Amino acid sequence: MTDGAEGERISPGTDGDRGGTSSDAHTDSDGSGAAPPSASRRGRPEKPPLPAWQETILLVGMALILALIIKTFFLQAFYIPSGSMRDTLKRDDRILVQKVAYWFGDISRGDVVVFDDPADWLGEEDGQSPSNPVTRSLAAIGLYPAGGHLVKRVIGIAGDSVSCRGGVVSVNGEPLDEDAYVTLPPQACQGTWTTPPVPAGHIWVMGDNREQSVDSRAHVGDPGGGFIPASDVVGKVFVVIWPVEDWSFITRPGAFDDPQLDQAAGLILWTAPGGLALVALPALRRRRKKRISHR
C-alpha cells in the first residue's frame, strides 16, 4: 500500500465520517466552533421564574397544609385559662399535646389528657366556636382558640372502680399516693363515695386542684355518668412550653405504676342496682366552668 493510499484513509471523527462528533460536524458559519443550543432548548424555551407574590402564596399555602397535617396527626398546642389543674398546669400555661402515643397504645392511669367536651360539660356559652369564616379557618389549623376542650388527669380506666374515703382516693381498693401532683387542697377528695366499674372504652378523670375542678365527680347525674369516651381524647399533654419559668415535661406519676392496681381490678365485683352511679357522693357545687382553648 502506497503512502498516497494511506493519506486518503478516513479516520473516525473527521468531517468525512457521517458519525463524526457534534463539535466537528456542527460549527457556526463564522467558523468560531461554538456549539448551538440543544434541540430541547431550541424547541422549549426556559420558563421565567414565578413573580414574588406567587412564590409567597405558594409558600404560605404549603406552610398551612403542613400545619394542618401536624395538628391533625402529631402535635397540637393549647393554653390553660383556668386553675383546675394547678399546680401541674397553671393559668395561661401553653402546652403541647402529642397524639402518637395512643396510635399504638391505650390511655393509662395518671396520663394528663385533653379531650372533647362530652355531654356539654362546658355549657353553651363556653363551648361556642368562632363565628366568622376567618376565625373558623384559623381554628381549623390550630391557629385560633376554638373552645370545646378540657384537660384533666386520668384516674380510672376500663374496669376500674374509683373511691374516696378519709380524704384518700383509691383505685380498685388500692390507695393512691397523690402528694406529687395534688398539692393545693388539704385532701385529695371529700366525702365517701365509690364509682361503678368504668365502662369499656371510657375513662374517669379528675383535676389536680380537686377543690376547684369540675370533673367526672360533678357529672355523675349527666348522660354518661361522668365517664369520658376514650374516643373523645385528643391526646396526652407532654410538655409546658410557655412561659419559660414553667417549662417542664409532664410525666406519669409513679403512684400509677403500682401493680396492685391491676391485680385488684380483677377482684372488683359490682352488685349495685342498675343506674346507681356513685355511693354517697357528696354534692359538688358547680363552679363556673372553664374551657381549655387551642393556642
Protein backbone atom coordinates (compact mmCIF):
# COMPACT_ATOMS: atom_id res chain seq x y z
CA MET A 1 0.00 0.00 0.00
CA THR A 2 1.42 3.38 -1.06
CA ASP A 3 1.77 6.43 1.08
CA GLY A 4 -0.88 8.15 -1.08
CA ALA A 5 -3.45 5.49 -0.30
CA GLU A 6 -2.80 5.88 3.38
CA GLY A 7 -3.31 9.63 3.06
CA GLU A 8 -6.78 9.06 1.64
CA ARG A 9 -7.92 6.82 4.50
CA ILE A 10 -10.76 8.47 6.57
CA SER A 11 -10.27 8.23 10.30
CA PRO A 12 -13.17 8.27 12.81
CA GLY A 13 -14.15 11.74 13.88
CA THR A 14 -13.25 13.52 10.65
CA ASP A 15 -15.64 15.59 8.57
CA GLY A 16 -15.89 12.82 6.01
CA ASP A 17 -17.49 10.45 8.54
CA ARG A 18 -21.26 10.78 8.96
CA GLY A 19 -20.92 9.66 12.56
CA GLY A 20 -18.39 12.37 13.44
CA THR A 21 -18.59 14.23 16.71
CA SER A 22 -21.02 17.10 17.08
CA SER A 23 -18.21 19.51 17.80
CA ASP A 24 -16.74 18.83 14.38
CA ALA A 25 -19.96 18.30 12.45
CA HIS A 26 -21.81 21.34 13.81
CA THR A 27 -19.92 24.57 13.66
CA ASP A 28 -21.10 28.11 13.30
CA SER A 29 -20.95 29.59 9.86
CA ASP A 30 -18.45 32.10 11.09
CA GLY A 31 -16.11 29.25 11.96
CA SER A 32 -15.99 30.05 15.67
CA GLY A 33 -16.63 26.40 16.57
CA ALA A 34 -19.21 27.19 19.33
CA ALA A 35 -21.98 24.61 19.69
CA PRO A 36 -25.56 25.86 19.13
CA PRO A 37 -28.27 25.39 21.77
CA SER A 38 -29.55 21.82 22.16
CA ALA A 39 -32.69 20.72 20.40
CA SER A 40 -34.66 20.71 23.64
CA ARG A 41 -33.70 24.31 24.31
CA ARG A 42 -34.49 25.39 20.78
CA GLY A 43 -37.92 23.73 20.89
CA ARG A 44 -38.78 24.50 24.56
CA PRO A 45 -37.64 27.90 25.87
CA GLU A 46 -36.89 28.24 29.59
CA LYS A 47 -39.80 29.41 31.75
CA PRO A 48 -39.34 32.70 33.57
CA PRO A 49 -39.27 32.48 37.40
CA LEU A 50 -42.51 32.98 39.33
CA PRO A 51 -43.26 36.51 40.46
CA ALA A 52 -42.53 37.17 44.13
CA TRP A 53 -46.21 37.38 45.06
CA GLN A 54 -46.93 33.97 43.53
CA GLU A 55 -43.99 32.41 45.37
CA THR A 56 -45.25 33.94 48.61
CA ILE A 57 -48.75 32.49 48.14
CA LEU A 58 -47.27 29.09 47.31
CA LEU A 59 -45.05 29.07 50.40
CA VAL A 60 -47.87 30.21 52.69
CA GLY A 61 -50.17 27.55 51.27
CA MET A 62 -47.58 24.82 51.83
CA ALA A 63 -46.98 26.04 55.39
CA LEU A 64 -50.71 25.94 56.17
CA ILE A 65 -51.05 22.43 54.78
CA LEU A 66 -48.05 21.30 56.83
CA ALA A 67 -49.50 22.92 59.96
CA LEU A 68 -52.82 21.16 59.38
CA ILE A 69 -51.12 17.78 58.97
CA ILE A 70 -49.07 18.26 62.14
CA LYS A 71 -52.12 19.39 64.12
CA THR A 72 -54.29 16.53 62.88
CA PHE A 73 -51.87 13.66 63.35
CA PHE A 74 -48.95 14.63 65.59
CA LEU A 75 -48.98 17.71 67.83
CA GLN A 76 -51.43 20.38 68.90
CA ALA A 77 -50.91 23.45 71.06
CA PHE A 78 -53.33 24.62 73.78
CA TYR A 79 -53.37 27.22 76.51
CA ILE A 80 -54.76 26.90 80.02
CA PRO A 81 -57.25 29.61 81.10
CA SER A 82 -58.24 28.13 84.47
CA GLY A 83 -56.72 26.75 87.66
CA SER A 84 -58.40 23.34 87.75
CA MET A 85 -55.09 21.52 87.12
CA ARG A 86 -52.84 23.52 89.45
CA ASP A 87 -50.08 23.14 90.27
CA THR A 88 -49.31 20.72 87.46
CA LEU A 89 -50.66 23.20 84.90
CA LYS A 90 -51.11 26.85 85.77
CA ARG A 91 -53.34 29.52 84.33
CA ASP A 92 -52.03 30.85 80.97
CA ASP A 93 -49.58 27.98 80.52
CA ARG A 94 -49.01 26.95 76.89
CA ILE A 95 -48.86 23.20 76.45
CA LEU A 96 -48.23 20.71 73.67
CA VAL A 97 -50.38 17.63 73.26
CA GLN A 98 -48.94 14.67 71.38
CA LYS A 99 -51.23 12.20 69.60
CA VAL A 100 -48.77 9.49 68.59
CA ALA A 101 -48.80 7.74 71.99
CA TYR A 102 -52.35 6.48 71.51
CA TRP A 103 -51.81 5.23 67.96
CA PHE A 104 -50.28 2.02 69.27
CA GLY A 105 -51.18 2.05 72.97
CA ASP A 106 -54.04 2.61 75.36
CA ILE A 107 -54.74 5.50 77.69
CA SER A 108 -53.07 4.87 81.04
CA ARG A 109 -53.92 5.85 84.60
CA GLY A 110 -52.06 9.02 85.50
CA ASP A 111 -51.97 10.49 81.99
CA VAL A 112 -52.91 14.17 81.68
CA VAL A 113 -55.18 14.31 78.65
CA VAL A 114 -57.05 16.86 76.59
CA PHE A 115 -60.49 15.71 75.45
CA ASP A 116 -63.52 16.96 73.58
CA ASP A 117 -66.47 18.21 75.60
CA PRO A 118 -68.69 15.23 76.44
CA ALA A 119 -72.36 15.81 77.22
CA ASP A 120 -71.90 19.59 77.04
CA TRP A 121 -69.79 19.89 80.18
CA LEU A 122 -68.62 23.33 79.12
CA GLY A 123 -72.08 24.75 78.64
CA GLU A 124 -73.50 26.55 75.64
CA GLU A 125 -71.60 29.80 76.15
CA ASP A 126 -68.15 28.38 77.00
CA GLY A 127 -68.32 25.85 74.19
CA GLN A 128 -69.06 28.30 71.40
CA SER A 129 -66.99 28.07 68.23
CA PRO A 130 -65.59 31.00 66.20
CA SER A 131 -68.38 32.78 64.39
CA ASN A 132 -66.81 34.25 61.24
CA PRO A 133 -65.10 32.49 58.30
CA VAL A 134 -61.62 33.84 59.06
CA THR A 135 -61.52 32.68 62.67
CA ARG A 136 -63.14 29.35 61.74
CA SER A 137 -60.42 28.80 59.13
CA LEU A 138 -57.65 29.64 61.60
CA ALA A 139 -59.21 27.39 64.24
CA ALA A 140 -59.28 24.51 61.78
CA ILE A 141 -55.48 24.55 61.57
CA GLY A 142 -54.92 25.26 65.27
CA LEU A 143 -54.04 28.94 64.99
CA TYR A 144 -57.09 30.30 66.84
CA PRO A 145 -58.78 29.23 70.12
CA ALA A 146 -61.79 27.18 69.16
CA GLY A 147 -63.17 26.05 72.52
CA GLY A 148 -64.82 22.76 73.29
CA HIS A 149 -61.91 21.01 75.07
CA LEU A 150 -60.94 20.21 78.66
CA VAL A 151 -57.79 18.95 80.39
CA LYS A 152 -57.80 16.51 83.33
CA ARG A 153 -55.82 13.62 84.80
CA VAL A 154 -56.94 10.04 84.13
CA ILE A 155 -57.64 8.27 87.42
CA GLY A 156 -59.62 5.22 86.28
CA ILE A 157 -59.63 3.20 83.06
CA ALA A 158 -61.98 0.47 81.83
CA GLY A 159 -62.86 -1.97 84.64
CA ASP A 160 -61.56 0.26 87.47
CA SER A 161 -63.62 1.38 90.43
CA VAL A 162 -62.56 4.71 91.94
CA SER A 163 -63.44 5.56 95.53
CA CYS A 164 -62.87 8.19 98.21
CA ARG A 165 -62.60 7.52 101.91
CA GLY A 166 -60.96 9.63 104.59
CA GLY A 167 -59.68 12.16 102.05
CA VAL A 168 -57.77 9.49 100.08
CA VAL A 169 -58.56 8.41 96.51
CA SER A 170 -58.33 4.67 95.85
CA VAL A 171 -58.43 2.69 92.62
CA ASN A 172 -59.78 -0.83 92.93
CA GLY A 173 -59.36 -0.54 96.68
CA GLU A 174 -55.68 0.47 96.48
CA PRO A 175 -54.96 3.93 97.94
CA LEU A 176 -53.11 6.36 95.67
CA ASP A 177 -50.18 8.41 96.94
CA GLU A 178 -51.04 11.69 95.19
CA ASP A 179 -48.73 14.04 97.08
CA ALA A 180 -46.58 14.55 93.96
CA TYR A 181 -49.34 16.25 91.95
CA VAL A 182 -52.26 17.08 94.29
CA THR A 183 -50.54 19.92 96.13
CA LEU A 184 -53.18 22.61 96.77
CA PRO A 185 -56.18 21.09 98.61
CA PRO A 186 -55.67 19.68 102.11
CA GLN A 187 -57.30 16.43 100.96
CA ALA A 188 -57.33 14.59 97.63
CA CYS A 189 -61.11 14.12 97.86
CA GLN A 190 -64.06 14.82 100.11
CA GLY A 191 -66.78 12.61 101.50
CA THR A 192 -67.21 8.88 101.00
CA TRP A 193 -68.11 7.60 97.57
CA THR A 194 -67.43 4.79 95.12
CA THR A 195 -67.91 4.56 91.36
CA PRO A 196 -69.18 1.55 89.48
CA PRO A 197 -66.57 -0.06 87.21
CA VAL A 198 -65.53 2.25 84.40
CA PRO A 199 -67.26 1.02 81.21
CA ALA A 200 -65.20 -0.40 78.37
CA GLY A 201 -63.85 2.33 76.12
CA HIS A 202 -64.20 5.03 78.81
CA ILE A 203 -62.11 6.81 81.46
CA TRP A 204 -62.71 8.56 84.80
CA VAL A 205 -60.94 11.94 85.16
CA MET A 206 -60.20 14.40 87.94
CA GLY A 207 -58.40 17.74 88.11
CA ASP A 208 -55.27 18.05 90.26
CA ASN A 209 -56.75 21.10 92.01
CA ARG A 210 -59.53 18.97 93.45
CA GLU A 211 -61.50 21.74 95.17
CA GLN A 212 -61.56 23.89 92.01
CA SER A 213 -62.15 21.23 89.36
CA VAL A 214 -65.49 20.38 87.79
CA ASP A 215 -64.65 16.87 86.61
CA SER A 216 -66.17 13.38 86.49
CA ARG A 217 -67.35 13.70 90.11
CA ALA A 218 -69.61 16.65 89.26
CA HIS A 219 -71.23 14.95 86.26
CA VAL A 220 -72.40 11.67 87.74
CA GLY A 221 -76.03 12.61 87.08
CA ASP A 222 -75.36 13.71 83.49
CA PRO A 223 -75.63 11.45 80.43
CA GLY A 224 -72.67 9.09 80.56
CA GLY A 225 -72.43 9.18 84.35
CA GLY A 226 -69.25 11.26 84.38
CA PHE A 227 -67.29 8.73 82.32
CA ILE A 228 -65.43 10.06 79.27
CA PRO A 229 -65.39 8.08 75.99
CA ALA A 230 -61.80 7.28 75.11
CA SER A 231 -62.62 8.27 71.53
CA ASP A 232 -63.08 11.87 72.75
CA VAL A 233 -59.46 12.10 73.90
CA VAL A 234 -57.40 14.37 71.63
CA GLY A 235 -54.02 13.40 73.05
CA LYS A 236 -51.66 13.37 76.01
CA VAL A 237 -50.09 16.52 77.47
CA PHE A 238 -46.32 16.05 77.47
CA VAL A 239 -44.70 19.48 77.87
CA VAL A 240 -45.34 23.02 79.08
CA ILE A 241 -43.64 25.31 76.58
CA TRP A 242 -44.58 28.77 77.89
CA PRO A 243 -43.91 30.78 79.98
CA VAL A 244 -40.23 29.94 80.21
CA GLU A 245 -40.22 29.69 84.00
CA ASP A 246 -42.93 27.00 83.83
CA TRP A 247 -41.19 24.95 81.12
CA SER A 248 -41.30 21.28 82.07
CA PHE A 249 -42.15 17.82 80.81
CA ILE A 250 -45.38 16.29 82.08
CA THR A 251 -44.73 12.69 83.08
CA ARG A 252 -46.85 9.92 84.52
CA PRO A 253 -46.56 9.80 88.34
CA GLY A 254 -45.01 6.70 89.86
CA ALA A 255 -48.09 6.14 92.02
CA PHE A 256 -49.84 4.68 89.00
CA ASP A 257 -47.10 2.10 88.37
CA ASP A 258 -48.22 0.06 91.37
CA PRO A 259 -49.02 -3.47 90.03
CA GLN A 260 -51.59 -3.86 92.81
CA LEU A 261 -53.89 -1.54 90.86
CA ASP A 262 -54.19 -4.08 88.04
CA GLN A 263 -54.34 -7.09 90.32
CA ALA A 264 -57.12 -5.56 92.38
CA ALA A 265 -59.06 -4.70 89.21
CA GLY A 266 -59.76 -8.39 88.63
CA LEU A 267 -61.31 -8.75 92.09
CA ILE A 268 -63.90 -5.97 91.79
CA LEU A 269 -67.46 -7.29 91.72
CA TRP A 270 -70.12 -4.63 91.34
CA THR A 271 -73.58 -5.60 92.58
CA ALA A 272 -75.20 -2.19 92.99
CA PRO A 273 -78.62 -1.63 91.37
CA GLY A 274 -78.62 -0.57 87.75
CA GLY A 275 -78.41 3.17 87.22
CA LEU A 276 -76.65 3.84 90.54
CA ALA A 277 -73.55 5.79 89.64
CA LEU A 278 -71.89 6.66 92.95
CA VAL A 279 -72.42 5.64 96.56
CA ALA A 280 -72.74 8.59 98.96
CA LEU A 281 -71.04 11.03 96.60
CA PRO A 282 -71.17 14.46 98.25
CA ALA A 283 -72.89 17.16 96.30
CA LEU A 284 -70.33 19.25 94.49
CA ARG A 285 -71.13 22.88 94.00
CA ARG A 286 -70.99 23.58 90.27
CA ARG A 287 -68.47 26.31 89.80
CA ARG A 288 -68.17 28.39 86.71
CA LYS A 289 -66.93 26.02 84.05
CA LYS A 290 -63.69 26.83 82.33
CA ARG A 291 -62.51 25.69 78.98
CA ILE A 292 -59.12 24.84 77.59
CA SER A 293 -58.64 26.54 74.22
CA HIS A 294 -56.39 25.99 71.20
CA ARG A 295 -53.46 28.24 71.04
